[in-house]
Amino acid sequence: MTETACASRVVVIFDLETTGLHSTSEIISLAAVEESSGKSFYRDARPRRMPISKRITQITGITNARLSTKPPWSVIGRLFWDWIAGLCTERSTLVLVGHNARKFDVPVLLRCSAELKRTAPVSVRSLLVLDTLAVSRRRFAGRVANHKQATIYAHIFGSEPALQHNAMGDVDALRQIVKSDAFQFEDAQRGAYDASVVHGEELRKCVAVLRARAESFREFLQPHIPVVVDTVISTETVPSQRTCHQCKRVHSVYFTHACV
């Protein structure tokens, strides 16, 4: 990787704690660390639906009493993206690193952010997501009992992390994993998937293309690559199978760079 490419790439390791394990869960805690500088973000967020379940409290240690005094996600989400904006220069590539990020953390983060009409800052021109779970399945296949983050940590360092199911504790542990020789981070980045960031006129052009040629582009569409828009994930109506069966609108427009 060239020095210029490195300078324009911002790697952020992050983790969420949520009200549940499904895609409609609300974020109750968000932690993130910028990989090279160690700059961090850590906030709890009061969910709209209270109380949270006893099961979530047992898993995370987060109580209803603790959340009752915290700002809502509408505040915390904006603070997070402001923090991201402060890390990024013009035309930065933002790499979000998380364990099971592709199927859970990133979709939840983008959905909750879209509700605020706030996502990646304009300075971010490319958004990559590196799922360390997928990397683990390739790198440590046959050498570990499972690919939970704590198991991978123990495989590399000889003991499980002291603090688990805590957003900042998990981020600190994942940062250690990522920086370890065993993980081979530079090589692992080649497996990052693309969640394209589209702004303004570019979005309108992409939506027009998808509307006109949805069937032609179907082979390129991938259901786990949401397009992050300047301030909101698109809700344009597009004639594809990705439309919501309840409201017949697209809550995320999906495509790869092959389409643009």
C-alpha atoms as a PDB file:
ATOM      1  CA  MET A   1       0.000   0.000   0.000  1.00  0.00           C
ATOM      2  CA  THR A   2       1.401   3.417  -0.899  1.00  0.00           C
ATOM      3  CA  GLU A   3       1.974   6.177   1.636  1.00  0.00           C
ATOM      4  CA  THR A   4      -0.765   8.254  -0.028  1.00  0.00           C
ATOM      5  CA  ALA A   5      -3.249   5.411   0.134  1.00  0.00           C
ATOM      6  CA  CYS A   6      -2.436   4.827   3.801  1.00  0.00           C
ATOM      7  CA  ALA A   7      -2.861   8.519   4.596  1.00  0.00           C
ATOM      8  CA  SER A   8      -6.363   8.596   3.094  1.00  0.00           C
ATOM      9  CA  ARG A   9      -7.531   5.366   4.753  1.00  0.00           C
ATOM     10  CA  VAL A  10      -9.188   5.673   8.167  1.00  0.00           C
ATOM     11  CA  VAL A  11      -9.611   2.367  10.008  1.00  0.00           C
ATOM     12  CA  VAL A  12     -12.200   2.360  12.807  1.00  0.00           C
ATOM     13  CA  ILE A  13     -12.760  -0.704  14.988  1.00  0.00           C
ATOM     14  CA  PHE A  14     -16.240  -0.623  16.485  1.00  0.00           C
ATOM     15  CA  ASP A  15     -18.830  -2.608  18.413  1.00  0.00           C
ATOM     16  CA  LEU A  16     -22.480  -2.217  19.331  1.00  0.00           C
ATOM     17  CA  GLU A  17     -24.607  -3.388  22.211  1.00  0.00           C
ATOM     18  CA  THR A  18     -28.275  -3.559  21.253  1.00  0.00           C
ATOM     19  CA  THR A  19     -31.721  -4.257  22.659  1.00  0.00           C
ATOM     20  CA  GLY A  20     -31.807  -7.617  20.885  1.00  0.00           C
ATOM     21  CA  LEU A  21     -30.157  -9.864  18.341  1.00  0.00           C
ATOM     22  CA  HIS A  22     -32.347  -9.020  15.355  1.00  0.00           C
ATOM     23  CA  SER A  23     -31.928  -6.410  12.631  1.00  0.00           C
ATOM     24  CA  THR A  24     -34.586  -4.099  14.101  1.00  0.00           C
ATOM     25  CA  SER A  25     -32.795  -3.827  17.452  1.00  0.00           C
ATOM     26  CA  GLU A  26     -31.975  -0.420  18.903  1.00  0.00           C
ATOM     27  CA  ILE A  27     -28.429   0.609  19.789  1.00  0.00           C
ATOM     28  CA  ILE A  28     -27.858   1.057  23.526  1.00  0.00           C
ATOM     29  CA  SER A  29     -24.057   1.328  23.508  1.00  0.00           C
ATOM     30  CA  LEU A  30     -21.531   2.200  20.803  1.00  0.00           C
ATOM     31  CA  ALA A  31     -17.757   2.086  21.100  1.00  0.00           C
ATOM     32  CA  ALA A  32     -15.156   2.789  18.435  1.00  0.00           C
ATOM     33  CA  VAL A  33     -11.392   3.252  18.247  1.00  0.00           C
ATOM     34  CA  GLU A  34      -9.361   4.657  15.365  1.00  0.00           C
ATOM     35  CA  GLU A  35      -6.782   1.944  14.745  1.00  0.00           C
ATOM     36  CA  SER A  36      -3.612   3.977  14.269  1.00  0.00           C
ATOM     37  CA  SER A  37      -4.089   6.880  16.707  1.00  0.00           C
ATOM     38  CA  GLY A  38      -6.121   5.149  19.397  1.00  0.00           C
ATOM     39  CA  LYS A  39      -8.682   7.983  19.419  1.00  0.00           C
ATOM     40  CA  SER A  40     -11.896   6.603  20.852  1.00  0.00           C
ATOM     41  CA  PHE A  41     -15.648   7.132  21.039  1.00  0.00           C
ATOM     42  CA  TYR A  42     -17.820   5.489  23.703  1.00  0.00           C
ATOM     43  CA  ARG A  43     -21.414   6.371  24.517  1.00  0.00           C
ATOM     44  CA  ASP A  44     -24.558   4.719  25.853  1.00  0.00           C
ATOM     45  CA  ALA A  45     -27.893   5.578  24.258  1.00  0.00           C
ATOM     46  CA  ARG A  46     -31.360   5.427  25.783  1.00  0.00           C
ATOM     47  CA  PRO A  47     -33.618   3.339  23.504  1.00  0.00           C
ATOM     48  CA  ARG A  48     -37.110   4.440  22.544  1.00  0.00           C
ATOM     49  CA  ARG A  49     -38.561   1.212  23.876  1.00  0.00           C
ATOM     50  CA  MET A  50     -37.885   0.761  27.571  1.00  0.00           C
ATOM     51  CA  PRO A  51     -37.318  -1.310  29.608  1.00  0.00           C
ATOM     52  CA  ILE A  52     -34.681  -3.503  27.981  1.00  0.00           C
ATOM     53  CA  SER A  53     -35.003  -7.213  28.701  1.00  0.00           C
ATOM     54  CA  LYS A  54     -33.391  -8.988  31.642  1.00  0.00           C
ATOM     55  CA  ARG A  55     -31.604 -11.189  29.109  1.00  0.00           C
ATOM     56  CA  ILE A  56     -29.832  -8.204  27.543  1.00  0.00           C
ATOM     57  CA  THR A  57     -28.885  -6.935  30.995  1.00  0.00           C
ATOM     58  CA  GLN A  58     -27.439 -10.355  31.819  1.00  0.00           C
ATOM     59  CA  ILE A  59     -25.407 -10.404  28.601  1.00  0.00           C
ATOM     60  CA  THR A  60     -24.157  -6.817  28.581  1.00  0.00           C
ATOM     61  CA  GLY A  61     -24.343  -5.680  32.187  1.00  0.00           C
ATOM     62  CA  ILE A  62     -26.302  -2.635  30.996  1.00  0.00           C
ATOM     63  CA  THR A  63     -29.276  -1.883  33.233  1.00  0.00           C
ATOM     64  CA  ASN A  64     -32.439   0.118  32.693  1.00  0.00           C
ATOM     65  CA  ALA A  65     -31.367   2.452  35.496  1.00  0.00           C
ATOM     66  CA  ARG A  66     -28.097   3.148  33.691  1.00  0.00           C
ATOM     67  CA  LEU A  67     -29.827   3.865  30.382  1.00  0.00           C
ATOM     68  CA  SER A  68     -32.583   6.006  31.876  1.00  0.00           C
ATOM     69  CA  THR A  69     -30.170   8.919  32.356  1.00  0.00           C
ATOM     70  CA  LYS A  70     -28.468   8.652  28.950  1.00  0.00           C
ATOM     71  CA  PRO A  71     -29.201  10.739  25.838  1.00  0.00           C
ATOM     72  CA  PRO A  72     -31.311   9.098  23.117  1.00  0.00           C
ATOM     73  CA  TRP A  73     -29.792   7.623  19.958  1.00  0.00           C
ATOM     74  CA  SER A  74     -30.870  10.754  18.070  1.00  0.00           C
ATOM     75  CA  VAL A  75     -28.119  12.566  20.003  1.00  0.00           C
ATOM     76  CA  ILE A  76     -25.517   9.802  20.230  1.00  0.00           C
ATOM     77  CA  GLY A  77     -25.775   8.852  16.550  1.00  0.00           C
ATOM     78  CA  ARG A  78     -25.024  12.398  15.428  1.00  0.00           C
ATOM     79  CA  LEU A  79     -22.129  12.631  17.881  1.00  0.00           C
ATOM     80  CA  PHE A  80     -20.676   9.425  16.445  1.00  0.00           C
ATOM     81  CA  TRP A  81     -20.777  10.597  12.832  1.00  0.00           C
ATOM     82  CA  ASP A  82     -19.357  13.969  13.897  1.00  0.00           C
ATOM     83  CA  TRP A  83     -16.484  12.036  15.490  1.00  0.00           C
ATOM     84  CA  ILE A  84     -15.997  10.068  12.266  1.00  0.00           C
ATOM     85  CA  ALA A  85     -16.000  13.319  10.282  1.00  0.00           C
ATOM     86  CA  GLY A  86     -13.227  14.631  12.508  1.00  0.00           C
ATOM     87  CA  LEU A  87     -11.049  11.648  11.572  1.00  0.00           C
ATOM     88  CA  CYS A  88     -11.593  11.869   7.819  1.00  0.00           C
ATOM     89  CA  THR A  89      -9.993  14.183   5.308  1.00  0.00           C
ATOM     90  CA  GLU A  90     -11.425  14.900   1.873  1.00  0.00           C
ATOM     91  CA  ARG A  91     -12.065  11.734  -0.147  1.00  0.00           C
ATOM     92  CA  SER A  92     -11.092   9.399   2.692  1.00  0.00           C
ATOM     93  CA  THR A  93     -11.695   5.677   2.595  1.00  0.00           C
ATOM     94  CA  LEU A  94     -13.387   4.685   5.841  1.00  0.00           C
ATOM     95  CA  VAL A  95     -12.840   1.070   6.916  1.00  0.00           C
ATOM     96  CA  LEU A  96     -15.233  -0.128   9.619  1.00  0.00           C
ATOM     97  CA  VAL A  97     -13.873  -3.214  11.387  1.00  0.00           C
ATOM     98  CA  GLY A  98     -16.128  -5.377  13.546  1.00  0.00           C
ATOM     99  CA  HIS A  99     -16.810  -8.973  14.523  1.00  0.00           C
ATOM    100  CA  ASN A 100     -19.902 -10.160  12.626  1.00  0.00           C
ATOM    101  CA  ALA A 101     -20.076  -6.615  11.270  1.00  0.00           C
ATOM    102  CA  ARG A 102     -21.330  -7.613   7.842  1.00  0.00           C
ATOM    103  CA  LYS A 103     -24.518  -9.321   8.933  1.00  0.00           C
ATOM    104  CA  PHE A 104     -25.331  -7.437  12.117  1.00  0.00           C
ATOM    105  CA  ASP A 105     -23.365  -4.415  13.361  1.00  0.00           C
ATOM    106  CA  VAL A 106     -23.096  -2.488  10.095  1.00  0.00           C
ATOM    107  CA  PRO A 107     -26.718  -3.053   8.962  1.00  0.00           C
ATOM    108  CA  VAL A 108     -27.986  -2.023  12.417  1.00  0.00           C
ATOM    109  CA  LEU A 109     -25.694   1.019  12.554  1.00  0.00           C
ATOM    110  CA  LEU A 110     -26.708   2.201   9.082  1.00  0.00           C
ATOM    111  CA  ARG A 111     -30.418   1.613   9.682  1.00  0.00           C
ATOM    112  CA  CYS A 112     -30.376   3.499  12.983  1.00  0.00           C
ATOM    113  CA  SER A 113     -28.318   6.279  11.400  1.00  0.00           C
ATOM    114  CA  ALA A 114     -30.666   6.525   8.430  1.00  0.00           C
ATOM    115  CA  GLU A 115     -33.526   7.140  10.839  1.00  0.00           C
ATOM    116  CA  LEU A 116     -31.642  10.287  11.868  1.00  0.00           C
ATOM    117  CA  LYS A 117     -31.063  11.224   8.223  1.00  0.00           C
ATOM    118  CA  ARG A 118     -27.388  11.123   9.102  1.00  0.00           C
ATOM    119  CA  THR A 119     -24.728   8.709   7.900  1.00  0.00           C
ATOM    120  CA  ALA A 120     -21.180   8.923   6.577  1.00  0.00           C
ATOM    121  CA  PRO A 121     -19.843  12.489   6.175  1.00  0.00           C
ATOM    122  CA  VAL A 122     -19.338  13.944   2.712  1.00  0.00           C
ATOM    123  CA  SER A 123     -15.556  13.612   3.150  1.00  0.00           C
ATOM    124  CA  VAL A 124     -15.955   9.817   3.061  1.00  0.00           C
ATOM    125  CA  ARG A 125     -15.950   8.755  -0.575  1.00  0.00           C
ATOM    126  CA  SER A 126     -15.562   5.031  -0.029  1.00  0.00           C
ATOM    127  CA  LEU A 127     -16.803   2.862   2.823  1.00  0.00           C
ATOM    128  CA  LEU A 128     -15.298  -0.580   3.354  1.00  0.00           C
ATOM    129  CA  VAL A 129     -16.342  -3.086   5.988  1.00  0.00           C
ATOM    130  CA  LEU A 130     -13.929  -5.698   7.302  1.00  0.00           C
ATOM    131  CA  ASP A 131     -15.702  -8.494   9.150  1.00  0.00           C
ATOM    132  CA  THR A 132     -13.205 -10.180  11.467  1.00  0.00           C
ATOM    133  CA  LEU A 133     -15.559 -13.148  11.822  1.00  0.00           C
ATOM    134  CA  ALA A 134     -15.146 -13.887   8.114  1.00  0.00           C
ATOM    135  CA  VAL A 135     -11.374 -13.406   8.398  1.00  0.00           C
ATOM    136  CA  SER A 136     -11.260 -15.793  11.354  1.00  0.00           C
ATOM    137  CA  ARG A 137     -13.127 -18.480   9.436  1.00  0.00           C
ATOM    138  CA  ARG A 138     -10.506 -18.305   6.711  1.00  0.00           C
ATOM    139  CA  ARG A 139      -7.400 -17.821   8.822  1.00  0.00           C
ATOM    140  CA  PHE A 140      -8.078 -20.087  11.790  1.00  0.00           C
ATOM    141  CA  ALA A 141     -10.155 -22.833  10.154  1.00  0.00           C
ATOM    142  CA  GLY A 142      -9.631 -26.140  11.966  1.00  0.00           C
ATOM    143  CA  ARG A 143      -7.563 -24.527  14.724  1.00  0.00           C
ATOM    144  CA  VAL A 144     -10.295 -23.193  17.016  1.00  0.00           C
ATOM    145  CA  ALA A 145     -13.476 -24.678  18.487  1.00  0.00           C
ATOM    146  CA  ASN A 146     -15.559 -21.758  17.218  1.00  0.00           C
ATOM    147  CA  HIS A 147     -15.037 -18.293  15.817  1.00  0.00           C
ATOM    148  CA  LYS A 148     -16.397 -16.184  18.656  1.00  0.00           C
ATOM    149  CA  GLN A 149     -14.269 -13.132  19.332  1.00  0.00           C
ATOM    150  CA  ALA A 150     -13.314 -14.369  22.819  1.00  0.00           C
ATOM    151  CA  THR A 151     -12.204 -17.710  21.373  1.00  0.00           C
ATOM    152  CA  ILE A 152     -10.008 -16.053  18.760  1.00  0.00           C
ATOM    153  CA  TYR A 153      -8.539 -13.771  21.422  1.00  0.00           C
ATOM    154  CA  ALA A 154      -7.727 -16.788  23.611  1.00  0.00           C
ATOM    155  CA  HIS A 155      -6.201 -18.625  20.641  1.00  0.00           C
ATOM    156  CA  ILE A 156      -3.847 -15.714  19.972  1.00  0.00           C
ATOM    157  CA  PHE A 157      -3.059 -14.516  23.505  1.00  0.00           C
ATOM    158  CA  GLY A 158      -3.602 -17.605  25.674  1.00  0.00           C
ATOM    159  CA  SER A 159      -6.539 -16.348  27.744  1.00  0.00           C
ATOM    160  CA  GLU A 160      -9.960 -14.817  27.160  1.00  0.00           C
ATOM    161  CA  PRO A 161     -10.358 -11.021  27.375  1.00  0.00           C
ATOM    162  CA  ALA A 162     -11.172  -9.708  30.830  1.00  0.00           C
ATOM    163  CA  LEU A 163     -14.227  -7.723  29.720  1.00  0.00           C
ATOM    164  CA  GLN A 164     -16.740  -9.289  27.310  1.00  0.00           C
ATOM    165  CA  HIS A 165     -20.098  -8.106  25.916  1.00  0.00           C
ATOM    166  CA  ASN A 166     -19.105  -4.572  26.808  1.00  0.00           C
ATOM    167  CA  ALA A 167     -18.807  -2.340  23.759  1.00  0.00           C
ATOM    168  CA  MET A 168     -15.493  -0.711  24.672  1.00  0.00           C
ATOM    169  CA  GLY A 169     -14.098  -3.916  26.178  1.00  0.00           C
ATOM    170  CA  ASP A 170     -14.904  -5.777  22.965  1.00  0.00           C
ATOM    171  CA  VAL A 171     -13.375  -3.010  20.850  1.00  0.00           C
ATOM    172  CA  ASP A 172     -10.167  -3.034  22.897  1.00  0.00           C
ATOM    173  CA  ALA A 173      -9.934  -6.816  22.552  1.00  0.00           C
ATOM    174  CA  LEU A 174     -10.641  -6.688  18.823  1.00  0.00           C
ATOM    175  CA  ARG A 175      -8.013  -4.004  18.339  1.00  0.00           C
ATOM    176  CA  GLN A 176      -5.461  -6.297  19.980  1.00  0.00           C
ATOM    177  CA  ILE A 177      -6.540  -9.135  17.675  1.00  0.00           C
ATOM    178  CA  VAL A 178      -6.314  -6.932  14.596  1.00  0.00           C
ATOM    179  CA  LYS A 179      -2.846  -5.660  15.526  1.00  0.00           C
ATOM    180  CA  SER A 180      -1.493  -9.152  16.269  1.00  0.00           C
ATOM    181  CA  ASP A 181       0.881 -10.910  13.877  1.00  0.00           C
ATOM    182  CA  ALA A 182      -1.502 -13.878  13.736  1.00  0.00           C
ATOM    183  CA  PHE A 183      -4.299 -11.770  12.252  1.00  0.00           C
ATOM    184  CA  GLN A 184      -2.161 -10.276   9.448  1.00  0.00           C
ATOM    185  CA  PHE A 185      -4.280  -7.129   9.170  1.00  0.00           C
ATOM    186  CA  GLU A 186      -2.752  -5.734   5.982  1.00  0.00           C
ATOM    187  CA  ASP A 187      -3.521  -8.969   4.163  1.00  0.00           C
ATOM    188  CA  ALA A 188      -6.959  -9.250   5.788  1.00  0.00           C
ATOM    189  CA  GLN A 189      -8.000  -5.843   4.409  1.00  0.00           C
ATOM    190  CA  ARG A 190      -8.098  -7.343   0.935  1.00  0.00           C
ATOM    191  CA  GLY A 191     -11.207  -9.190   2.092  1.00  0.00           C
ATOM    192  CA  ALA A 192     -13.086  -6.021   3.060  1.00  0.00           C
ATOM    193  CA  TYR A 193     -16.398  -5.638   1.258  1.00  0.00           C
ATOM    194  CA  ASP A 194     -17.612  -2.454  -0.317  1.00  0.00           C
ATOM    195  CA  ALA A 195     -20.515  -0.433   1.063  1.00  0.00           C
ATOM    196  CA  SER A 196     -20.390   2.384  -1.452  1.00  0.00           C
ATOM    197  CA  VAL A 197     -20.922   5.936  -0.275  1.00  0.00           C
ATOM    198  CA  VAL A 198     -23.000   7.910  -2.739  1.00  0.00           C
ATOM    199  CA  HIS A 199     -23.781  11.619  -2.571  1.00  0.00           C
ATOM    200  CA  GLY A 200     -26.275  13.966  -4.217  1.00  0.00           C
ATOM    201  CA  GLU A 201     -26.369  13.718  -8.000  1.00  0.00           C
ATOM    202  CA  GLU A 202     -24.498  10.405  -7.972  1.00  0.00           C
ATOM    203  CA  LEU A 203     -27.328   8.863  -5.972  1.00  0.00           C
ATOM    204  CA  ARG A 204     -30.000  10.165  -8.336  1.00  0.00           C
ATOM    205  CA  LYS A 205     -28.110   8.728 -11.303  1.00  0.00           C
ATOM    206  CA  CYS A 206     -27.748   5.351  -9.610  1.00  0.00           C
ATOM    207  CA  VAL A 207     -31.422   5.212  -8.672  1.00  0.00           C
ATOM    208  CA  ALA A 208     -32.392   6.133 -12.236  1.00  0.00           C
ATOM    209  CA  VAL A 209     -30.197   3.355 -13.606  1.00  0.00           C
ATOM    210  CA  LEU A 210     -31.621   0.820 -11.176  1.00  0.00           C
ATOM    211  CA  ARG A 211     -35.181   1.858 -11.958  1.00  0.00           C
ATOM    212  CA  ALA A 212     -34.644   1.587 -15.708  1.00  0.00           C
ATOM    213  CA  ARG A 213     -32.555  -1.572 -15.703  1.00  0.00           C
ATOM    214  CA  ALA A 214     -33.368  -3.396 -12.490  1.00  0.00           C
ATOM    215  CA  GLU A 215     -33.639  -6.751 -14.202  1.00  0.00           C
ATOM    216  CA  SER A 216     -30.386  -6.283 -16.111  1.00  0.00           C
ATOM    217  CA  PHE A 217     -28.501  -5.437 -12.926  1.00  0.00           C
ATOM    218  CA  ARG A 218     -30.059  -8.171 -10.799  1.00  0.00           C
ATOM    219  CA  GLU A 219     -27.029 -10.439 -11.138  1.00  0.00           C
ATOM    220  CA  PHE A 220     -24.854  -7.713  -9.609  1.00  0.00           C
ATOM    221  CA  LEU A 221     -27.106  -6.906  -6.666  1.00  0.00           C
ATOM    222  CA  GLN A 222     -25.860  -8.147  -3.306  1.00  0.00           C
ATOM    223  CA  PRO A 223     -28.192  -8.096  -0.300  1.00  0.00           C
ATOM    224  CA  HIS A 224     -25.533  -7.223   2.293  1.00  0.00           C
ATOM    225  CA  ILE A 225     -24.090  -4.080   0.697  1.00  0.00           C
ATOM    226  CA  PRO A 226     -26.156  -1.024   1.652  1.00  0.00           C
ATOM    227  CA  VAL A 227     -25.482   2.215  -0.171  1.00  0.00           C
ATOM    228  CA  VAL A 228     -24.695   4.957   2.316  1.00  0.00           C
ATOM    229  CA  VAL A 229     -26.113   8.271   1.163  1.00  0.00           C
ATOM    230  CA  ASP A 230     -24.975  11.776   2.147  1.00  0.00           C
ATOM    231  CA  THR A 231     -27.624  12.252   4.837  1.00  0.00           C
ATOM    232  CA  VAL A 232     -30.077   9.390   4.468  1.00  0.00           C
ATOM    233  CA  ILE A 233     -30.279   5.908   3.014  1.00  0.00           C
ATOM    234  CA  SER A 234     -32.446   6.127  -0.080  1.00  0.00           C
ATOM    235  CA  THR A 235     -36.152   5.346   0.164  1.00  0.00           C
ATOM    236  CA  GLU A 236     -36.707   5.733  -3.563  1.00  0.00           C
ATOM    237  CA  THR A 237     -39.113   3.266  -5.131  1.00  0.00           C
ATOM    238  CA  VAL A 238     -37.188   0.815  -7.305  1.00  0.00           C
ATOM    239  CA  PRO A 239     -38.783  -2.128  -9.160  1.00  0.00           C
ATOM    240  CA  SER A 240     -36.710  -4.936  -7.678  1.00  0.00           C
ATOM    241  CA  GLN A 241     -37.207  -7.803  -5.270  1.00  0.00           C
ATOM    242  CA  ARG A 242     -35.441  -5.743  -2.625  1.00  0.00           C
ATOM    243  CA  THR A 243     -38.579  -3.658  -2.013  1.00  0.00           C
ATOM    244  CA  CYS A 244     -40.269  -3.955   1.364  1.00  0.00           C
ATOM    245  CA  HIS A 245     -43.360  -6.148   1.134  1.00  0.00           C
ATOM    246  CA  GLN A 246     -45.208  -3.966   3.643  1.00  0.00           C
ATOM    247  CA  CYS A 247     -44.700  -0.490   2.222  1.00  0.00           C
ATOM    248  CA  LYS A 248     -43.341  -1.337  -1.262  1.00  0.00           C
ATOM    249  CA  ARG A 249     -40.401   1.019  -0.829  1.00  0.00           C
ATOM    250  CA  VAL A 250     -36.674   0.394  -0.868  1.00  0.00           C
ATOM    251  CA  HIS A 251     -35.062   1.152   2.470  1.00  0.00           C
ATOM    252  CA  SER A 252     -31.576   0.530   1.085  1.00  0.00           C
ATOM    253  CA  VAL A 253     -30.392   0.503  -2.516  1.00  0.00           C
ATOM    254  CA  TYR A 254     -28.008  -2.388  -3.091  1.00  0.00           C
ATOM    255  CA  PHE A 255     -25.260  -2.538  -5.689  1.00  0.00           C
ATOM    256  CA  THR A 256     -21.548  -3.117  -6.084  1.00  0.00           C
ATOM    257  CA  HIS A 257     -19.013  -0.982  -7.934  1.00  0.00           C
ATOM    258  CA  ALA A 258     -19.644  -3.268 -10.885  1.00  0.00           C
ATOM    259  CA  CYS A 259     -22.908  -1.392 -11.357  1.00  0.00           C
ATOM    260  CA  VAL A 260     -21.377   2.068 -11.396  1.00  0.00           C
END
